[in-house]
């Protein structure tokens, strides 16, 4: 589609909130070989045994760029970086270094909309209320009934832990909703931080 628009001399406007989509266009996505489940499971177990600090230090010995770039507490990306090295024999950062972006530098302009922080948090709270009205509690209950591993991304989605705590009797409904609102605001704050760090040269509006 982008090639067709370019051939026609028409500009493309790409809009979204997921940074990975923009990074894939402006930096490219590395063609990394699939990681076998057995490798990932072993690395997950190593992380659980060693803890983040020791695991990150170990990763730093084989892929210092990845160890430095991955934010504190991001277990999934740390495990991913280690798994890629074990499975492929190459650091994740090396795979990324060989990747070319789909949009060449200078061919695009990046804009980041930064809303008022208080207004953003108010909208986060409203969204949680809407989610509860639309059956979020039933959705989490159905998810828990599947007996999935807590390590899966779906089980780490914002709201699962908080509402699961209510379903297990650990939290009242009101406390669970309050915790979910806080978790949602925290997630929004992390998104702002991510865009500030990853798109520092983009124009703010």
C-alpha atoms as a PDB file:
ATOM      1  CA  UNK A   1       0.000   0.000   0.000  1.00  0.00           C
ATOM      2  CA  UNK A   2       2.783   2.430   0.886  1.00  0.00           C
ATOM      3  CA  UNK A   3       4.537   1.663  -2.401  1.00  0.00           C
ATOM      4  CA  UNK A   4       1.301   2.283  -4.326  1.00  0.00           C
ATOM      5  CA  UNK A   5       0.718   5.619  -2.608  1.00  0.00           C
ATOM      6  CA  UNK A   6       4.314   6.633  -3.191  1.00  0.00           C
ATOM      7  CA  UNK A   7       4.034   5.765  -6.884  1.00  0.00           C
ATOM      8  CA  UNK A   8       0.909   7.915  -7.129  1.00  0.00           C
ATOM      9  CA  UNK A   9       2.590  10.806  -5.348  1.00  0.00           C
ATOM     10  CA  UNK A  10       0.066  10.673  -2.526  1.00  0.00           C
ATOM     11  CA  UNK A  11       1.080  11.090   1.134  1.00  0.00           C
ATOM     12  CA  UNK A  12       0.220   8.404   3.679  1.00  0.00           C
ATOM     13  CA  UNK A  13      -0.907   9.293   7.204  1.00  0.00           C
ATOM     14  CA  UNK A  14      -0.368   6.476   9.698  1.00  0.00           C
ATOM     15  CA  UNK A  15      -2.152   6.855  13.034  1.00  0.00           C
ATOM     16  CA  UNK A  16      -1.985   4.642  16.092  1.00  0.00           C
ATOM     17  CA  UNK A  17      -0.923   4.249  19.678  1.00  0.00           C
ATOM     18  CA  UNK A  18       1.246   1.135  19.540  1.00  0.00           C
ATOM     19  CA  UNK A  19       4.880   2.131  19.255  1.00  0.00           C
ATOM     20  CA  UNK A  20       5.953  -1.206  17.795  1.00  0.00           C
ATOM     21  CA  UNK A  21       4.035  -0.491  14.589  1.00  0.00           C
ATOM     22  CA  UNK A  22       5.877   2.772  14.084  1.00  0.00           C
ATOM     23  CA  UNK A  23       9.230   1.251  14.982  1.00  0.00           C
ATOM     24  CA  UNK A  24       8.698  -1.517  12.423  1.00  0.00           C
ATOM     25  CA  UNK A  25       8.262   1.117   9.723  1.00  0.00           C
ATOM     26  CA  UNK A  26      10.991   3.529  10.764  1.00  0.00           C
ATOM     27  CA  UNK A  27      13.554   1.060  12.118  1.00  0.00           C
ATOM     28  CA  UNK A  28      12.426  -2.275  10.719  1.00  0.00           C
ATOM     29  CA  UNK A  29      11.633  -5.612  12.353  1.00  0.00           C
ATOM     30  CA  UNK A  30      14.436  -8.150  12.436  1.00  0.00           C
ATOM     31  CA  UNK A  31      13.800 -11.486  10.732  1.00  0.00           C
ATOM     32  CA  UNK A  32      14.695 -13.517  13.814  1.00  0.00           C
ATOM     33  CA  UNK A  33      14.368 -17.327  13.692  1.00  0.00           C
ATOM     34  CA  UNK A  34      11.625 -18.832  15.836  1.00  0.00           C
ATOM     35  CA  UNK A  35      12.604 -19.750  19.382  1.00  0.00           C
ATOM     36  CA  UNK A  36      11.686 -23.337  20.362  1.00  0.00           C
ATOM     37  CA  UNK A  37       9.273 -23.629  23.277  1.00  0.00           C
ATOM     38  CA  UNK A  38      11.773 -25.750  25.193  1.00  0.00           C
ATOM     39  CA  UNK A  39      14.360 -22.957  25.039  1.00  0.00           C
ATOM     40  CA  UNK A  40      11.888 -20.310  26.143  1.00  0.00           C
ATOM     41  CA  UNK A  41      10.659 -22.477  29.024  1.00  0.00           C
ATOM     42  CA  UNK A  42      14.220 -23.072  30.204  1.00  0.00           C
ATOM     43  CA  UNK A  43      15.040 -19.367  30.080  1.00  0.00           C
ATOM     44  CA  UNK A  44      11.805 -18.527  31.926  1.00  0.00           C
ATOM     45  CA  UNK A  45      12.822 -20.966  34.660  1.00  0.00           C
ATOM     46  CA  UNK A  46      16.297 -19.418  34.829  1.00  0.00           C
ATOM     47  CA  UNK A  47      14.788 -15.962  35.259  1.00  0.00           C
ATOM     48  CA  UNK A  48      12.497 -17.175  38.030  1.00  0.00           C
ATOM     49  CA  UNK A  49      15.441 -18.766  39.832  1.00  0.00           C
ATOM     50  CA  UNK A  50      18.021 -16.011  39.337  1.00  0.00           C
ATOM     51  CA  UNK A  51      15.878 -12.896  39.638  1.00  0.00           C
ATOM     52  CA  UNK A  52      16.045  -9.853  37.395  1.00  0.00           C
ATOM     53  CA  UNK A  53      19.359  -8.378  38.563  1.00  0.00           C
ATOM     54  CA  UNK A  54      21.394 -11.559  38.108  1.00  0.00           C
ATOM     55  CA  UNK A  55      19.593 -12.462  34.884  1.00  0.00           C
ATOM     56  CA  UNK A  56      20.200  -8.991  33.419  1.00  0.00           C
ATOM     57  CA  UNK A  57      23.879  -9.169  34.383  1.00  0.00           C
ATOM     58  CA  UNK A  58      24.161 -12.506  32.595  1.00  0.00           C
ATOM     59  CA  UNK A  59      22.446 -11.068  29.516  1.00  0.00           C
ATOM     60  CA  UNK A  60      24.819  -8.114  29.651  1.00  0.00           C
ATOM     61  CA  UNK A  61      27.759 -10.448  29.120  1.00  0.00           C
ATOM     62  CA  UNK A  62      26.402 -11.738  25.800  1.00  0.00           C
ATOM     63  CA  UNK A  63      24.256  -8.834  24.597  1.00  0.00           C
ATOM     64  CA  UNK A  64      25.164  -5.619  26.448  1.00  0.00           C
ATOM     65  CA  UNK A  65      23.123  -3.438  24.081  1.00  0.00           C
ATOM     66  CA  UNK A  66      19.928  -5.363  24.789  1.00  0.00           C
ATOM     67  CA  UNK A  67      20.590  -5.513  28.524  1.00  0.00           C
ATOM     68  CA  UNK A  68      21.023  -1.742  28.591  1.00  0.00           C
ATOM     69  CA  UNK A  69      18.021  -0.923  26.398  1.00  0.00           C
ATOM     70  CA  UNK A  70      15.431  -3.094  28.162  1.00  0.00           C
ATOM     71  CA  UNK A  71      13.605  -1.243  30.931  1.00  0.00           C
ATOM     72  CA  UNK A  72      13.613  -2.363  34.534  1.00  0.00           C
ATOM     73  CA  UNK A  73      10.922  -4.926  35.282  1.00  0.00           C
ATOM     74  CA  UNK A  74      10.413  -5.940  31.652  1.00  0.00           C
ATOM     75  CA  UNK A  75      10.725  -9.665  32.202  1.00  0.00           C
ATOM     76  CA  UNK A  76       9.234 -10.574  28.844  1.00  0.00           C
ATOM     77  CA  UNK A  77      11.837  -8.680  26.808  1.00  0.00           C
ATOM     78  CA  UNK A  78      14.719  -9.881  28.963  1.00  0.00           C
ATOM     79  CA  UNK A  79      13.634 -13.485  28.493  1.00  0.00           C
ATOM     80  CA  UNK A  80      13.141 -12.855  24.782  1.00  0.00           C
ATOM     81  CA  UNK A  81      16.661 -11.462  24.338  1.00  0.00           C
ATOM     82  CA  UNK A  82      18.254 -14.374  26.167  1.00  0.00           C
ATOM     83  CA  UNK A  83      16.117 -16.925  24.314  1.00  0.00           C
ATOM     84  CA  UNK A  84      17.067 -15.496  20.918  1.00  0.00           C
ATOM     85  CA  UNK A  85      20.762 -15.759  21.727  1.00  0.00           C
ATOM     86  CA  UNK A  86      20.496 -19.341  22.963  1.00  0.00           C
ATOM     87  CA  UNK A  87      18.360 -20.435  20.011  1.00  0.00           C
ATOM     88  CA  UNK A  88      20.227 -18.616  17.226  1.00  0.00           C
ATOM     89  CA  UNK A  89      23.734 -18.129  18.573  1.00  0.00           C
ATOM     90  CA  UNK A  90      23.512 -14.391  17.817  1.00  0.00           C
ATOM     91  CA  UNK A  91      22.617 -11.510  20.143  1.00  0.00           C
ATOM     92  CA  UNK A  92      19.222  -9.926  19.594  1.00  0.00           C
ATOM     93  CA  UNK A  93      20.911  -6.557  19.055  1.00  0.00           C
ATOM     94  CA  UNK A  94      22.947  -8.057  16.185  1.00  0.00           C
ATOM     95  CA  UNK A  95      19.788  -9.245  14.452  1.00  0.00           C
ATOM     96  CA  UNK A  96      18.289  -5.776  14.809  1.00  0.00           C
ATOM     97  CA  UNK A  97      21.445  -4.089  13.517  1.00  0.00           C
ATOM     98  CA  UNK A  98      21.096  -5.995  10.229  1.00  0.00           C
ATOM     99  CA  UNK A  99      17.526  -4.779   9.736  1.00  0.00           C
ATOM    100  CA  UNK A 100      16.603  -2.028   7.267  1.00  0.00           C
ATOM    101  CA  UNK A 101      13.542   0.198   7.838  1.00  0.00           C
ATOM    102  CA  UNK A 102      10.591   0.147   5.444  1.00  0.00           C
ATOM    103  CA  UNK A 103      10.536   3.949   5.442  1.00  0.00           C
ATOM    104  CA  UNK A 104      13.954   5.412   4.597  1.00  0.00           C
ATOM    105  CA  UNK A 105      15.228   8.219   6.845  1.00  0.00           C
ATOM    106  CA  UNK A 106      14.103  11.610   5.585  1.00  0.00           C
ATOM    107  CA  UNK A 107      11.030  10.226   3.810  1.00  0.00           C
ATOM    108  CA  UNK A 108       8.652  10.688   6.740  1.00  0.00           C
ATOM    109  CA  UNK A 109       7.775  13.028   9.603  1.00  0.00           C
ATOM    110  CA  UNK A 110       6.883  11.731  13.066  1.00  0.00           C
ATOM    111  CA  UNK A 111       4.379  13.464  15.340  1.00  0.00           C
ATOM    112  CA  UNK A 112       3.499  12.588  18.935  1.00  0.00           C
ATOM    113  CA  UNK A 113       0.299  13.890  20.513  1.00  0.00           C
ATOM    114  CA  UNK A 114       0.911  14.526  24.200  1.00  0.00           C
ATOM    115  CA  UNK A 115      -2.399  15.109  26.020  1.00  0.00           C
ATOM    116  CA  UNK A 116      -2.741  16.984  29.271  1.00  0.00           C
ATOM    117  CA  UNK A 117      -1.683  14.536  31.980  1.00  0.00           C
ATOM    118  CA  UNK A 118      -4.671  15.141  34.263  1.00  0.00           C
ATOM    119  CA  UNK A 119      -7.119  14.836  31.379  1.00  0.00           C
ATOM    120  CA  UNK A 120      -5.424  11.622  30.308  1.00  0.00           C
ATOM    121  CA  UNK A 121      -5.760  10.086  33.769  1.00  0.00           C
ATOM    122  CA  UNK A 122      -9.415  11.092  33.955  1.00  0.00           C
ATOM    123  CA  UNK A 123     -10.026   9.332  30.644  1.00  0.00           C
ATOM    124  CA  UNK A 124      -8.236   6.250  31.990  1.00  0.00           C
ATOM    125  CA  UNK A 125     -10.654   6.137  34.917  1.00  0.00           C
ATOM    126  CA  UNK A 126     -13.637   6.556  32.602  1.00  0.00           C
ATOM    127  CA  UNK A 127     -12.360   3.717  30.440  1.00  0.00           C
ATOM    128  CA  UNK A 128     -12.176   1.388  33.440  1.00  0.00           C
ATOM    129  CA  UNK A 129     -15.771   2.220  34.322  1.00  0.00           C
ATOM    130  CA  UNK A 130     -16.826   1.440  30.762  1.00  0.00           C
ATOM    131  CA  UNK A 131     -14.894  -1.852  30.842  1.00  0.00           C
ATOM    132  CA  UNK A 132     -16.667  -2.925  34.011  1.00  0.00           C
ATOM    133  CA  UNK A 133     -20.043  -2.048  32.501  1.00  0.00           C
ATOM    134  CA  UNK A 134     -19.186  -4.112  29.420  1.00  0.00           C
ATOM    135  CA  UNK A 135     -18.418  -7.298  31.367  1.00  0.00           C
ATOM    136  CA  UNK A 136     -14.698  -7.141  32.147  1.00  0.00           C
ATOM    137  CA  UNK A 137     -15.218  -9.198  35.293  1.00  0.00           C
ATOM    138  CA  UNK A 138     -16.907 -12.005  33.364  1.00  0.00           C
ATOM    139  CA  UNK A 139     -14.130 -11.914  30.781  1.00  0.00           C
ATOM    140  CA  UNK A 140     -11.436 -12.346  33.429  1.00  0.00           C
ATOM    141  CA  UNK A 141     -13.400 -15.129  35.095  1.00  0.00           C
ATOM    142  CA  UNK A 142     -13.596 -16.987  31.773  1.00  0.00           C
ATOM    143  CA  UNK A 143      -9.870 -16.445  31.225  1.00  0.00           C
ATOM    144  CA  UNK A 144      -8.983 -17.843  34.639  1.00  0.00           C
ATOM    145  CA  UNK A 145     -11.185 -20.872  34.016  1.00  0.00           C
ATOM    146  CA  UNK A 146      -8.894 -21.886  31.154  1.00  0.00           C
ATOM    147  CA  UNK A 147      -6.060 -22.573  33.590  1.00  0.00           C
ATOM    148  CA  UNK A 148      -3.451 -20.730  31.534  1.00  0.00           C
ATOM    149  CA  UNK A 149       0.118 -20.186  32.690  1.00  0.00           C
ATOM    150  CA  UNK A 150       0.544 -16.890  34.579  1.00  0.00           C
ATOM    151  CA  UNK A 151       3.628 -16.266  32.407  1.00  0.00           C
ATOM    152  CA  UNK A 152       1.553 -15.871  29.233  1.00  0.00           C
ATOM    153  CA  UNK A 153       1.094 -12.292  27.944  1.00  0.00           C
ATOM    154  CA  UNK A 154      -2.703 -12.595  28.138  1.00  0.00           C
ATOM    155  CA  UNK A 155      -2.475 -13.221  31.875  1.00  0.00           C
ATOM    156  CA  UNK A 156      -0.364 -10.091  32.301  1.00  0.00           C
ATOM    157  CA  UNK A 157      -2.836  -7.779  30.587  1.00  0.00           C
ATOM    158  CA  UNK A 158      -3.855  -4.726  32.578  1.00  0.00           C
ATOM    159  CA  UNK A 159      -6.839  -5.641  34.719  1.00  0.00           C
ATOM    160  CA  UNK A 160      -6.397  -9.398  34.915  1.00  0.00           C
ATOM    161  CA  UNK A 161      -4.452  -9.406  38.177  1.00  0.00           C
ATOM    162  CA  UNK A 162      -6.690  -6.816  39.830  1.00  0.00           C
ATOM    163  CA  UNK A 163      -9.997  -8.427  38.882  1.00  0.00           C
ATOM    164  CA  UNK A 164      -8.661 -11.913  39.595  1.00  0.00           C
ATOM    165  CA  UNK A 165      -7.887 -10.717  43.126  1.00  0.00           C
ATOM    166  CA  UNK A 166     -11.538  -9.749  43.524  1.00  0.00           C
ATOM    167  CA  UNK A 167     -12.770 -13.064  42.144  1.00  0.00           C
ATOM    168  CA  UNK A 168     -10.556 -14.932  44.620  1.00  0.00           C
ATOM    169  CA  UNK A 169     -11.862 -12.862  47.525  1.00  0.00           C
ATOM    170  CA  UNK A 170      -8.632 -10.935  48.119  1.00  0.00           C
ATOM    171  CA  UNK A 171     -10.153  -7.570  47.166  1.00  0.00           C
ATOM    172  CA  UNK A 172     -13.603  -6.062  47.289  1.00  0.00           C
ATOM    173  CA  UNK A 173     -15.080  -4.991  43.977  1.00  0.00           C
ATOM    174  CA  UNK A 174     -14.497  -1.320  44.793  1.00  0.00           C
ATOM    175  CA  UNK A 175     -10.876  -1.946  45.773  1.00  0.00           C
ATOM    176  CA  UNK A 176     -10.299  -4.014  42.635  1.00  0.00           C
ATOM    177  CA  UNK A 177     -11.729  -1.254  40.444  1.00  0.00           C
ATOM    178  CA  UNK A 178      -9.568   1.327  42.222  1.00  0.00           C
ATOM    179  CA  UNK A 179      -6.497  -0.862  41.685  1.00  0.00           C
ATOM    180  CA  UNK A 180      -7.404  -1.311  38.023  1.00  0.00           C
ATOM    181  CA  UNK A 181      -7.741   2.435  37.563  1.00  0.00           C
ATOM    182  CA  UNK A 182      -4.315   2.945  39.100  1.00  0.00           C
ATOM    183  CA  UNK A 183      -2.794   0.196  36.938  1.00  0.00           C
ATOM    184  CA  UNK A 184      -4.318   1.784  33.835  1.00  0.00           C
ATOM    185  CA  UNK A 185      -2.915   5.203  34.732  1.00  0.00           C
ATOM    186  CA  UNK A 186       0.485   3.620  35.367  1.00  0.00           C
ATOM    187  CA  UNK A 187       0.357   1.949  31.961  1.00  0.00           C
ATOM    188  CA  UNK A 188      -0.499   5.251  30.287  1.00  0.00           C
ATOM    189  CA  UNK A 189       2.438   6.862  32.069  1.00  0.00           C
ATOM    190  CA  UNK A 190       4.769   4.111  30.826  1.00  0.00           C
ATOM    191  CA  UNK A 191       3.520   4.710  27.296  1.00  0.00           C
ATOM    192  CA  UNK A 192       4.356   8.400  27.597  1.00  0.00           C
ATOM    193  CA  UNK A 193       7.798   7.500  28.906  1.00  0.00           C
ATOM    194  CA  UNK A 194       8.341   5.032  26.065  1.00  0.00           C
ATOM    195  CA  UNK A 195       7.465   7.570  23.392  1.00  0.00           C
ATOM    196  CA  UNK A 196       9.601  10.194  25.101  1.00  0.00           C
ATOM    197  CA  UNK A 197      12.610   7.861  25.065  1.00  0.00           C
ATOM    198  CA  UNK A 198      12.073   6.153  21.706  1.00  0.00           C
ATOM    199  CA  UNK A 199      10.843   9.106  19.654  1.00  0.00           C
ATOM    200  CA  UNK A 200      12.841  11.968  21.128  1.00  0.00           C
ATOM    201  CA  UNK A 201      13.379  13.484  17.663  1.00  0.00           C
ATOM    202  CA  UNK A 202       9.680  13.459  16.734  1.00  0.00           C
ATOM    203  CA  UNK A 203       7.642  16.677  16.856  1.00  0.00           C
ATOM    204  CA  UNK A 204       5.349  17.107  19.872  1.00  0.00           C
ATOM    205  CA  UNK A 205       1.875  18.553  19.348  1.00  0.00           C
END
